[in-house]
Amino acid sequence: MSRALPWLLAGLGAALVVAGAAVVLSSAADPVTVYTGGNAPLEAEDPGAYRSELTLAFDGAVRSSVGQLVGGGIAVLGLLVLTGLAGWFAGLRAARRRAG
């Protein structure tokens, strides 16, 4: 069982990385709308007096959907498992060199 555990962890880490990448690639690139404006504004008698426009440009901004963020988190978790396993193997190898 002790020899199978590192291979199971490596498989789990790789599966998490692949699953995270699949979620990121399959999720829509449309960002989540936080507020849709459920309350309609009141109509003014003179619409010109209260008219206001705001134009925001998102050139160069990163826009992500919830699915992309979740997929990225899953992929990072898989990379952390693989990094921990690599550190464990490096420590095991160093201990064997010192002992032998």
PDB file of N, CA and C in Angstrom:
ATOM      1  N   MET A   1       0.818  -1.199   0.000  1.00  0.00           N
ATOM      2  CA  MET A   1       0.000   0.000   0.000  1.00  0.00           C
ATOM      3  C   MET A   1       0.858   1.257   0.000  1.00  0.00           C
ATOM      4  N   SER A   2       2.023   1.208   0.664  1.00  0.00           N
ATOM      5  CA  SER A   2       2.843   2.410   0.754  1.00  0.00           C
ATOM      6  C   SER A   2       3.436   2.780  -0.602  1.00  0.00           C
ATOM      7  N   ARG A   3       3.636   1.810  -1.491  1.00  0.00           N
ATOM      8  CA  ARG A   3       4.151   2.126  -2.828  1.00  0.00           C
ATOM      9  C   ARG A   3       3.044   2.614  -3.750  1.00  0.00           C
ATOM     10  N   ALA A   4       1.829   2.249  -3.477  1.00  0.00           N
ATOM     11  CA  ALA A   4       0.711   2.654  -4.330  1.00  0.00           C
ATOM     12  C   ALA A   4       0.238   4.073  -4.011  1.00  0.00           C
ATOM     13  N   LEU A   5       0.425   4.519  -2.772  1.00  0.00           N
ATOM     14  CA  LEU A   5      -0.067   5.834  -2.373  1.00  0.00           C
ATOM     15  C   LEU A   5       0.536   6.986  -3.169  1.00  0.00           C
ATOM     16  N   PRO A   6       1.851   7.046  -3.397  1.00  0.00           N
ATOM     17  CA  PRO A   6       2.372   8.152  -4.216  1.00  0.00           C
ATOM     18  C   PRO A   6       1.826   8.145  -5.647  1.00  0.00           C
ATOM     19  N   TRP A   7       1.626   6.977  -6.211  1.00  0.00           N
ATOM     20  CA  TRP A   7       1.088   6.901  -7.564  1.00  0.00           C
ATOM     21  C   TRP A   7      -0.381   7.332  -7.591  1.00  0.00           C
ATOM     22  N   LEU A   8      -1.124   6.988  -6.542  1.00  0.00           N
ATOM     23  CA  LEU A   8      -2.509   7.437  -6.455  1.00  0.00           C
ATOM     24  C   LEU A   8      -2.586   8.959  -6.312  1.00  0.00           C
ATOM     25  N   LEU A   9      -1.698   9.526  -5.516  1.00  0.00           N
ATOM     26  CA  LEU A   9      -1.664  10.977  -5.358  1.00  0.00           C
ATOM     27  C   LEU A   9      -1.242  11.665  -6.659  1.00  0.00           C
ATOM     28  N   ALA A  10      -0.295  11.069  -7.370  1.00  0.00           N
ATOM     29  CA  ALA A  10       0.112  11.639  -8.656  1.00  0.00           C
ATOM     30  C   ALA A  10      -1.044  11.593  -9.656  1.00  0.00           C
ATOM     31  N   GLY A  11      -1.771  10.499  -9.663  1.00  0.00           N
ATOM     32  CA  GLY A  11      -2.939  10.397 -10.544  1.00  0.00           C
ATOM     33  C   GLY A  11      -4.027  11.381 -10.166  1.00  0.00           C
ATOM     34  N   LEU A  12      -4.235  11.561  -8.863  1.00  0.00           N
ATOM     35  CA  LEU A  12      -5.226  12.526  -8.396  1.00  0.00           C
ATOM     36  C   LEU A  12      -4.834  13.946  -8.791  1.00  0.00           C
ATOM     37  N   GLY A  13      -3.569  14.294  -8.595  1.00  0.00           N
ATOM     38  CA  GLY A  13      -3.107  15.628  -8.963  1.00  0.00           C
ATOM     39  C   GLY A  13      -3.238  15.884 -10.452  1.00  0.00           C
ATOM     40  N   ALA A  14      -2.849  14.910 -11.260  1.00  0.00           N
ATOM     41  CA  ALA A  14      -2.953  15.066 -12.715  1.00  0.00           C
ATOM     42  C   ALA A  14      -4.413  15.163 -13.147  1.00  0.00           C
ATOM     43  N   ALA A  15      -5.276  14.373 -12.521  1.00  0.00           N
ATOM     44  CA  ALA A  15      -6.701  14.423 -12.858  1.00  0.00           C
ATOM     45  C   ALA A  15      -7.303  15.780 -12.489  1.00  0.00           C
ATOM     46  N   LEU A  16      -6.878  16.335 -11.356  1.00  0.00           N
ATOM     47  CA  LEU A  16      -7.376  17.654 -10.969  1.00  0.00           C
ATOM     48  C   LEU A  16      -6.918  18.740 -11.942  1.00  0.00           C
ATOM     49  N   VAL A  17      -5.688  18.644 -12.395  1.00  0.00           N
ATOM     50  CA  VAL A  17      -5.189  19.631 -13.366  1.00  0.00           C
ATOM     51  C   VAL A  17      -5.965  19.530 -14.681  1.00  0.00           C
ATOM     52  N   VAL A  18      -6.188  18.314 -15.153  1.00  0.00           N
ATOM     53  CA  VAL A  18      -6.925  18.119 -16.407  1.00  0.00           C
ATOM     54  C   VAL A  18      -8.379  18.563 -16.247  1.00  0.00           C
ATOM     55  N   ALA A  19      -9.005  18.223 -15.113  1.00  0.00           N
ATOM     56  CA  ALA A  19     -10.396  18.622 -14.885  1.00  0.00           C
ATOM     57  C   ALA A  19     -10.517  20.142 -14.790  1.00  0.00           C
ATOM     58  N   GLY A  20      -9.575  20.785 -14.116  1.00  0.00           N
ATOM     59  CA  GLY A  20      -9.599  22.235 -14.014  1.00  0.00           C
ATOM     60  C   GLY A  20      -9.446  22.904 -15.360  1.00  0.00           C
ATOM     61  N   ALA A  21      -8.545  22.381 -16.181  1.00  0.00           N
ATOM     62  CA  ALA A  21      -8.369  22.936 -17.529  1.00  0.00           C
ATOM     63  C   ALA A  21      -9.621  22.729 -18.371  1.00  0.00           C
ATOM     64  N   ALA A  22     -10.276  21.583 -18.209  1.00  0.00           N
ATOM     65  CA  ALA A  22     -11.500  21.320 -18.968  1.00  0.00           C
ATOM     66  C   ALA A  22     -12.620  22.264 -18.541  1.00  0.00           C
ATOM     67  N   VAL A  23     -12.722  22.540 -17.256  1.00  0.00           N
ATOM     68  CA  VAL A  23     -13.756  23.464 -16.778  1.00  0.00           C
ATOM     69  C   VAL A  23     -13.490  24.874 -17.290  1.00  0.00           C
ATOM     70  N   VAL A  24     -12.230  25.292 -17.274  1.00  0.00           N
ATOM     71  CA  VAL A  24     -11.892  26.632 -17.770  1.00  0.00           C
ATOM     72  C   VAL A  24     -12.221  26.746 -19.254  1.00  0.00           C
ATOM     73  N   LEU A  25     -11.877  25.747 -20.027  1.00  0.00           N
ATOM     74  CA  LEU A  25     -12.103  25.806 -21.466  1.00  0.00           C
ATOM     75  C   LEU A  25     -13.573  25.663 -21.842  1.00  0.00           C
ATOM     76  N   SER A  26     -14.352  24.959 -21.036  1.00  0.00           N
ATOM     77  CA  SER A  26     -15.760  24.740 -21.380  1.00  0.00           C
ATOM     78  C   SER A  26     -16.679  25.834 -20.855  1.00  0.00           C
ATOM     79  N   SER A  27     -16.216  26.635 -19.912  1.00  0.00           N
ATOM     80  CA  SER A  27     -17.083  27.675 -19.360  1.00  0.00           C
ATOM     81  C   SER A  27     -17.159  28.861 -20.309  1.00  0.00           C
ATOM     82  N   ALA A  28     -18.243  29.543 -20.241  1.00  0.00           N
ATOM     83  CA  ALA A  28     -18.461  30.695 -21.121  1.00  0.00           C
ATOM     84  C   ALA A  28     -17.570  31.851 -20.686  1.00  0.00           C
ATOM     85  N   ALA A  29     -17.172  32.658 -21.641  1.00  0.00           N
ATOM     86  CA  ALA A  29     -16.304  33.795 -21.349  1.00  0.00           C
ATOM     87  C   ALA A  29     -17.091  35.022 -20.912  1.00  0.00           C
ATOM     88  N   ASP A  30     -18.418  34.935 -20.879  1.00  0.00           N
ATOM     89  CA  ASP A  30     -19.223  36.078 -20.467  1.00  0.00           C
ATOM     90  C   ASP A  30     -19.119  36.262 -18.963  1.00  0.00           C
ATOM     91  N   PRO A  31     -18.850  37.475 -18.523  1.00  0.00           N
ATOM     92  CA  PRO A  31     -18.746  37.704 -17.076  1.00  0.00           C
ATOM     93  C   PRO A  31     -20.119  37.664 -16.413  1.00  0.00           C
ATOM     94  N   VAL A  32     -20.131  37.490 -15.142  1.00  0.00           N
ATOM     95  CA  VAL A  32     -21.360  37.420 -14.380  1.00  0.00           C
ATOM     96  C   VAL A  32     -21.885  38.833 -14.151  1.00  0.00           C
ATOM     97  N   THR A  33     -23.172  39.030 -14.354  1.00  0.00           N
ATOM     98  CA  THR A  33     -23.783  40.319 -14.077  1.00  0.00           C
ATOM     99  C   THR A  33     -24.210  40.345 -12.623  1.00  0.00           C
ATOM    100  N   VAL A  34     -23.684  41.294 -11.881  1.00  0.00           N
ATOM    101  CA  VAL A  34     -23.962  41.355 -10.451  1.00  0.00           C
ATOM    102  C   VAL A  34     -25.318  41.994 -10.184  1.00  0.00           C
ATOM    103  N   TYR A  35     -25.642  43.062 -10.875  1.00  0.00           N
ATOM    104  CA  TYR A  35     -26.897  43.776 -10.651  1.00  0.00           C
ATOM    105  C   TYR A  35     -27.542  44.069 -11.994  1.00  0.00           C
ATOM    106  N   THR A  36     -28.792  43.684 -12.147  1.00  0.00           N
ATOM    107  CA  THR A  36     -29.472  43.882 -13.415  1.00  0.00           C
ATOM    108  C   THR A  36     -30.350  45.117 -13.425  1.00  0.00           C
ATOM    109  N   GLY A  37     -30.475  45.797 -12.318  1.00  0.00           N
ATOM    110  CA  GLY A  37     -31.314  46.997 -12.264  1.00  0.00           C
ATOM    111  C   GLY A  37     -32.779  46.650 -12.225  1.00  0.00           C
ATOM    112  N   GLY A  38     -33.188  45.901 -11.231  1.00  0.00           N
ATOM    113  CA  GLY A  38     -34.572  45.463 -11.113  1.00  0.00           C
ATOM    114  C   GLY A  38     -35.548  46.601 -10.901  1.00  0.00           C
ATOM    115  N   ASN A  39     -35.115  47.702 -10.320  1.00  0.00           N
ATOM    116  CA  ASN A  39     -35.986  48.846 -10.104  1.00  0.00           C
ATOM    117  C   ASN A  39     -35.796  49.841 -11.238  1.00  0.00           C
ATOM    118  N   ALA A  40     -36.852  50.081 -11.961  1.00  0.00           N
ATOM    119  CA  ALA A  40     -36.780  51.016 -13.084  1.00  0.00           C
ATOM    120  C   ALA A  40     -36.726  52.446 -12.552  1.00  0.00           C
ATOM    121  N   PRO A  41     -35.953  53.302 -13.188  1.00  0.00           N
ATOM    122  CA  PRO A  41     -35.902  54.694 -12.725  1.00  0.00           C
ATOM    123  C   PRO A  41     -37.218  55.415 -13.003  1.00  0.00           C
ATOM    124  N   LEU A  42     -37.495  56.422 -12.209  1.00  0.00           N
ATOM    125  CA  LEU A  42     -38.695  57.219 -12.406  1.00  0.00           C
ATOM    126  C   LEU A  42     -38.534  58.092 -13.636  1.00  0.00           C
ATOM    127  N   GLU A  43     -39.609  58.311 -14.331  1.00  0.00           N
ATOM    128  CA  GLU A  43     -39.589  59.154 -15.518  1.00  0.00           C
ATOM    129  C   GLU A  43     -39.682  60.612 -15.096  1.00  0.00           C
ATOM    130  N   ALA A  44     -38.758  61.412 -15.559  1.00  0.00           N
ATOM    131  CA  ALA A  44     -38.771  62.839 -15.251  1.00  0.00           C
ATOM    132  C   ALA A  44     -39.627  63.580 -16.263  1.00  0.00           C
ATOM    133  N   GLU A  45     -40.140  64.738 -15.830  1.00  0.00           N
ATOM    134  CA  GLU A  45     -40.946  65.545 -16.745  1.00  0.00           C
ATOM    135  C   GLU A  45     -40.084  66.102 -17.867  1.00  0.00           C
ATOM    136  N   ASP A  46     -38.885  66.520 -17.536  1.00  0.00           N
ATOM    137  CA  ASP A  46     -37.943  67.045 -18.525  1.00  0.00           C
ATOM    138  C   ASP A  46     -36.748  66.095 -18.557  1.00  0.00           C
ATOM    139  N   PRO A  47     -36.735  65.130 -19.454  1.00  0.00           N
ATOM    140  CA  PRO A  47     -35.663  64.123 -19.442  1.00  0.00           C
ATOM    141  C   PRO A  47     -34.290  64.708 -19.734  1.00  0.00           C
ATOM    142  N   GLY A  48     -34.208  65.832 -20.394  1.00  0.00           N
ATOM    143  CA  GLY A  48     -32.914  66.433 -20.704  1.00  0.00           C
ATOM    144  C   GLY A  48     -32.199  66.958 -19.466  1.00  0.00           C
ATOM    145  N   ALA A  49     -32.955  67.374 -18.456  1.00  0.00           N
ATOM    146  CA  ALA A  49     -32.344  67.951 -17.261  1.00  0.00           C
ATOM    147  C   ALA A  49     -31.642  66.895 -16.410  1.00  0.00           C
ATOM    148  N   TYR A  50     -32.113  65.690 -16.474  1.00  0.00           N
ATOM    149  CA  TYR A  50     -31.557  64.636 -15.622  1.00  0.00           C
ATOM    150  C   TYR A  50     -30.790  63.578 -16.419  1.00  0.00           C
ATOM    151  N   ARG A  51     -30.462  63.877 -17.636  1.00  0.00           N
ATOM    152  CA  ARG A  51     -29.799  62.904 -18.482  1.00  0.00           C
ATOM    153  C   ARG A  51     -28.313  62.829 -18.113  1.00  0.00           C
ATOM    154  N   SER A  52     -27.827  61.630 -17.957  1.00  0.00           N
ATOM    155  CA  SER A  52     -26.432  61.408 -17.619  1.00  0.00           C
ATOM    156  C   SER A  52     -25.973  60.135 -18.314  1.00  0.00           C
ATOM    157  N   GLU A  53     -24.769  60.169 -18.835  1.00  0.00           N
ATOM    158  CA  GLU A  53     -24.217  58.986 -19.492  1.00  0.00           C
ATOM    159  C   GLU A  53     -22.822  58.719 -18.957  1.00  0.00           C
ATOM    160  N   LEU A  54     -22.549  57.472 -18.739  1.00  0.00           N
ATOM    161  CA  LEU A  54     -21.234  57.048 -18.282  1.00  0.00           C
ATOM    162  C   LEU A  54     -20.791  55.895 -19.171  1.00  0.00           C
ATOM    163  N   THR A  55     -19.664  56.061 -19.811  1.00  0.00           N
ATOM    164  CA  THR A  55     -19.130  55.018 -20.676  1.00  0.00           C
ATOM    165  C   THR A  55     -17.812  54.529 -20.086  1.00  0.00           C
ATOM    166  N   LEU A  56     -17.772  53.248 -19.766  1.00  0.00           N
ATOM    167  CA  LEU A  56     -16.559  52.641 -19.221  1.00  0.00           C
ATOM    168  C   LEU A  56     -15.919  51.761 -20.293  1.00  0.00           C
ATOM    169  N   ALA A  57     -14.642  51.885 -20.447  1.00  0.00           N
ATOM    170  CA  ALA A  57     -13.918  51.060 -21.406  1.00  0.00           C
ATOM    171  C   ALA A  57     -13.091  50.028 -20.639  1.00  0.00           C
ATOM    172  N   PHE A  58     -13.213  48.788 -21.024  1.00  0.00           N
ATOM    173  CA  PHE A  58     -12.480  47.705 -20.376  1.00  0.00           C
ATOM    174  C   PHE A  58     -11.408  47.165 -21.303  1.00  0.00           C
ATOM    175  N   ASP A  59     -10.693  48.034 -21.958  1.00  0.00           N
ATOM    176  CA  ASP A  59      -9.623  47.605 -22.840  1.00  0.00           C
ATOM    177  C   ASP A  59      -8.466  47.084 -22.000  1.00  0.00           C
ATOM    178  N   GLY A  60      -8.097  45.862 -22.222  1.00  0.00           N
ATOM    179  CA  GLY A  60      -6.984  45.271 -21.494  1.00  0.00           C
ATOM    180  C   GLY A  60      -7.374  44.693 -20.143  1.00  0.00           C
ATOM    181  N   ALA A  61      -8.646  44.795 -19.761  1.00  0.00           N
ATOM    182  CA  ALA A  61      -9.084  44.238 -18.486  1.00  0.00           C
ATOM    183  C   ALA A  61      -9.367  42.749 -18.648  1.00  0.00           C
ATOM    184  N   VAL A  62      -9.119  41.995 -17.607  1.00  0.00           N
ATOM    185  CA  VAL A  62      -9.380  40.560 -17.626  1.00  0.00           C
ATOM    186  C   VAL A  62     -10.792  40.337 -17.116  1.00  0.00           C
ATOM    187  N   ARG A  63     -11.604  39.709 -17.940  1.00  0.00           N
ATOM    188  CA  ARG A  63     -12.984  39.415 -17.559  1.00  0.00           C
ATOM    189  C   ARG A  63     -13.138  37.903 -17.477  1.00  0.00           C
ATOM    190  N   SER A  64     -13.532  37.412 -16.319  1.00  0.00           N
ATOM    191  CA  SER A  64     -13.641  35.974 -16.111  1.00  0.00           C
ATOM    192  C   SER A  64     -15.039  35.623 -15.631  1.00  0.00           C
ATOM    193  N   SER A  65     -15.470  34.434 -15.979  1.00  0.00           N
ATOM    194  CA  SER A  65     -16.742  33.934 -15.472  1.00  0.00           C
ATOM    195  C   SER A  65     -16.470  33.106 -14.223  1.00  0.00           C
ATOM    196  N   VAL A  66     -17.535  32.759 -13.532  1.00  0.00           N
ATOM    197  CA  VAL A  66     -17.404  31.956 -12.314  1.00  0.00           C
ATOM    198  C   VAL A  66     -16.818  30.587 -12.650  1.00  0.00           C
ATOM    199  N   GLY A  67     -17.231  30.005 -13.775  1.00  0.00           N
ATOM    200  CA  GLY A  67     -16.707  28.704 -14.186  1.00  0.00           C
ATOM    201  C   GLY A  67     -15.214  28.737 -14.428  1.00  0.00           C
ATOM    202  N   GLN A  68     -14.731  29.820 -15.004  1.00  0.00           N
ATOM    203  CA  GLN A  68     -13.297  29.941 -15.234  1.00  0.00           C
ATOM    204  C   GLN A  68     -12.536  30.055 -13.920  1.00  0.00           C
ATOM    205  N   LEU A  69     -13.090  30.780 -12.960  1.00  0.00           N
ATOM    206  CA  LEU A  69     -12.421  30.904 -11.661  1.00  0.00           C
ATOM    207  C   LEU A  69     -12.417  29.584 -10.901  1.00  0.00           C
ATOM    208  N   VAL A  70     -13.525  28.854 -10.959  1.00  0.00           N
ATOM    209  CA  VAL A  70     -13.591  27.545 -10.290  1.00  0.00           C
ATOM    210  C   VAL A  70     -12.627  26.569 -10.959  1.00  0.00           C
ATOM    211  N   GLY A  71     -12.594  26.558 -12.276  1.00  0.00           N
ATOM    212  CA  GLY A  71     -11.670  25.677 -13.000  1.00  0.00           C
ATOM    213  C   GLY A  71     -10.222  26.003 -12.696  1.00  0.00           C
ATOM    214  N   GLY A  72      -9.905  27.288 -12.602  1.00  0.00           N
ATOM    215  CA  GLY A  72      -8.549  27.684 -12.226  1.00  0.00           C
ATOM    216  C   GLY A  72      -8.196  27.223 -10.819  1.00  0.00           C
ATOM    217  N   GLY A  73      -9.150  27.312  -9.906  1.00  0.00           N
ATOM    218  CA  GLY A  73      -8.912  26.838  -8.540  1.00  0.00           C
ATOM    219  C   GLY A  73      -8.675  25.337  -8.479  1.00  0.00           C
ATOM    220  N   ILE A  74      -9.435  24.591  -9.263  1.00  0.00           N
ATOM    221  CA  ILE A  74      -9.244  23.129  -9.309  1.00  0.00           C
ATOM    222  C   ILE A  74      -7.866  22.795  -9.878  1.00  0.00           C
ATOM    223  N   ALA A  75      -7.470  23.499 -10.929  1.00  0.00           N
ATOM    224  CA  ALA A  75      -6.160  23.249 -11.533  1.00  0.00           C
ATOM    225  C   ALA A  75      -5.037  23.602 -10.559  1.00  0.00           C
ATOM    226  N   VAL A  76      -5.178  24.699  -9.834  1.00  0.00           N
ATOM    227  CA  VAL A  76      -4.154  25.080  -8.854  1.00  0.00           C
ATOM    228  C   VAL A  76      -4.080  24.050  -7.733  1.00  0.00           C
ATOM    229  N   LEU A  77      -5.227  23.522  -7.302  1.00  0.00           N
ATOM    230  CA  LEU A  77      -5.221  22.477  -6.276  1.00  0.00           C
ATOM    231  C   LEU A  77      -4.473  21.238  -6.765  1.00  0.00           C
ATOM    232  N   GLY A  78      -4.694  20.856  -8.027  1.00  0.00           N
ATOM    233  CA  GLY A  78      -3.965  19.721  -8.593  1.00  0.00           C
ATOM    234  C   GLY A  78      -2.473  19.975  -8.667  1.00  0.00           C
ATOM    235  N   LEU A  79      -2.094  21.200  -9.034  1.00  0.00           N
ATOM    236  CA  LEU A  79      -0.662  21.539  -9.077  1.00  0.00           C
ATOM    237  C   LEU A  79      -0.045  21.527  -7.679  1.00  0.00           C
ATOM    238  N   LEU A  80      -0.804  21.926  -6.676  1.00  0.00           N
ATOM    239  CA  LEU A  80      -0.291  21.858  -5.301  1.00  0.00           C
ATOM    240  C   LEU A  80      -0.075  20.414  -4.859  1.00  0.00           C
ATOM    241  N   VAL A  81      -0.972  19.524  -5.236  1.00  0.00           N
ATOM    242  CA  VAL A  81      -0.794  18.100  -4.907  1.00  0.00           C
ATOM    243  C   VAL A  81       0.466  17.567  -5.589  1.00  0.00           C
ATOM    244  N   LEU A  82       0.648  17.891  -6.860  1.00  0.00           N
ATOM    245  CA  LEU A  82       1.834  17.417  -7.584  1.00  0.00           C
ATOM    246  C   LEU A  82       3.119  18.032  -7.027  1.00  0.00           C
ATOM    247  N   THR A  83       3.074  19.293  -6.618  1.00  0.00           N
ATOM    248  CA  THR A  83       4.256  19.933  -6.042  1.00  0.00           C
ATOM    249  C   THR A  83       4.622  19.305  -4.700  1.00  0.00           C
ATOM    250  N   GLY A  84       3.617  19.041  -3.877  1.00  0.00           N
ATOM    251  CA  GLY A  84       3.880  18.379  -2.596  1.00  0.00           C
ATOM    252  C   GLY A  84       4.454  16.986  -2.784  1.00  0.00           C
ATOM    253  N   LEU A  85       3.948  16.275  -3.763  1.00  0.00           N
ATOM    254  CA  LEU A  85       4.460  14.935  -4.056  1.00  0.00           C
ATOM    255  C   LEU A  85       5.902  14.993  -4.562  1.00  0.00           C
ATOM    256  N   ALA A  86       6.203  15.976  -5.406  1.00  0.00           N
ATOM    257  CA  ALA A  86       7.579  16.133  -5.892  1.00  0.00           C
ATOM    258  C   ALA A  86       8.524  16.473  -4.751  1.00  0.00           C
ATOM    259  N   GLY A  87       8.088  17.312  -3.824  1.00  0.00           N
ATOM    260  CA  GLY A  87       8.915  17.625  -2.656  1.00  0.00           C
ATOM    261  C   GLY A  87       9.138  16.404  -1.779  1.00  0.00           C
ATOM    262  N   TRP A  88       8.107  15.593  -1.638  1.00  0.00           N
ATOM    263  CA  TRP A  88       8.249  14.377  -0.833  1.00  0.00           C
ATOM    264  C   TRP A  88       9.254  13.428  -1.487  1.00  0.00           C
ATOM    265  N   PHE A  89       9.166  13.267  -2.820  1.00  0.00           N
ATOM    266  CA  PHE A  89      10.128  12.411  -3.521  1.00  0.00           C
ATOM    267  C   PHE A  89      11.553  12.951  -3.407  1.00  0.00           C
ATOM    268  N   ALA A  90      11.716  14.273  -3.487  1.00  0.00           N
ATOM    269  CA  ALA A  90      13.054  14.870  -3.361  1.00  0.00           C
ATOM    270  C   ALA A  90      13.621  14.641  -1.964  1.00  0.00           C
ATOM    271  N   GLY A  91      12.795  14.777  -0.950  1.00  0.00           N
ATOM    272  CA  GLY A  91      13.249  14.521   0.409  1.00  0.00           C
ATOM    273  C   GLY A  91      13.580  13.064   0.642  1.00  0.00           C
ATOM    274  N   LEU A  92      12.803  12.172   0.053  1.00  0.00           N
ATOM    275  CA  LEU A  92      13.060  10.743   0.188  1.00  0.00           C
ATOM    276  C   LEU A  92      14.376  10.368  -0.485  1.00  0.00           C
ATOM    277  N   ARG A  93      14.630  10.953  -1.639  1.00  0.00           N
ATOM    278  CA  ARG A  93      15.873  10.672  -2.360  1.00  0.00           C
ATOM    279  C   ARG A  93      17.082  11.201  -1.589  1.00  0.00           C
ATOM    280  N   ALA A  94      16.967  12.393  -1.021  1.00  0.00           N
ATOM    281  CA  ALA A  94      18.071  12.955  -0.244  1.00  0.00           C
ATOM    282  C   ALA A  94      18.343  12.128   1.007  1.00  0.00           C
ATOM    283  N   ALA A  95      17.307  11.622   1.631  1.00  0.00           N
ATOM    284  CA  ALA A  95      17.484  10.794   2.838  1.00  0.00           C
ATOM    285  C   ALA A  95      18.184   9.482   2.479  1.00  0.00           C
ATOM    286  N   ARG A  96      17.843   8.941   1.332  1.00  0.00           N
ATOM    287  CA  ARG A  96      18.505   7.681   0.913  1.00  0.00           C
ATOM    288  C   ARG A  96      19.966   7.901   0.598  1.00  0.00           C
ATOM    289  N   ARG A  97      20.301   9.078   0.036  1.00  0.00           N
ATOM    290  CA  ARG A  97      21.713   9.367  -0.275  1.00  0.00           C
ATOM    291  C   ARG A  97      22.531   9.531   1.016  1.00  0.00           C
ATOM    292  N   ARG A  98      21.938  10.182   2.003  1.00  0.00           N
ATOM    293  CA  ARG A  98      22.657  10.364   3.277  1.00  0.00           C
ATOM    294  C   ARG A  98      22.837   9.041   4.002  1.00  0.00           C
ATOM    295  N   ALA A  99      21.859   8.169   3.905  1.00  0.00           N
ATOM    296  CA  ALA A  99      21.922   6.888   4.626  1.00  0.00           C
ATOM    297  C   ALA A  99      22.865   5.900   3.930  1.00  0.00           C
ATOM    298  N   GLY A 100      22.967   6.020   2.621  1.00  0.00           N
ATOM    299  CA  GLY A 100      23.745   5.030   1.865  1.00  0.00           C
ATOM    300  C   GLY A 100      25.086   5.516   1.541  1.00  0.00           C
TER     301      GLY A 100
END
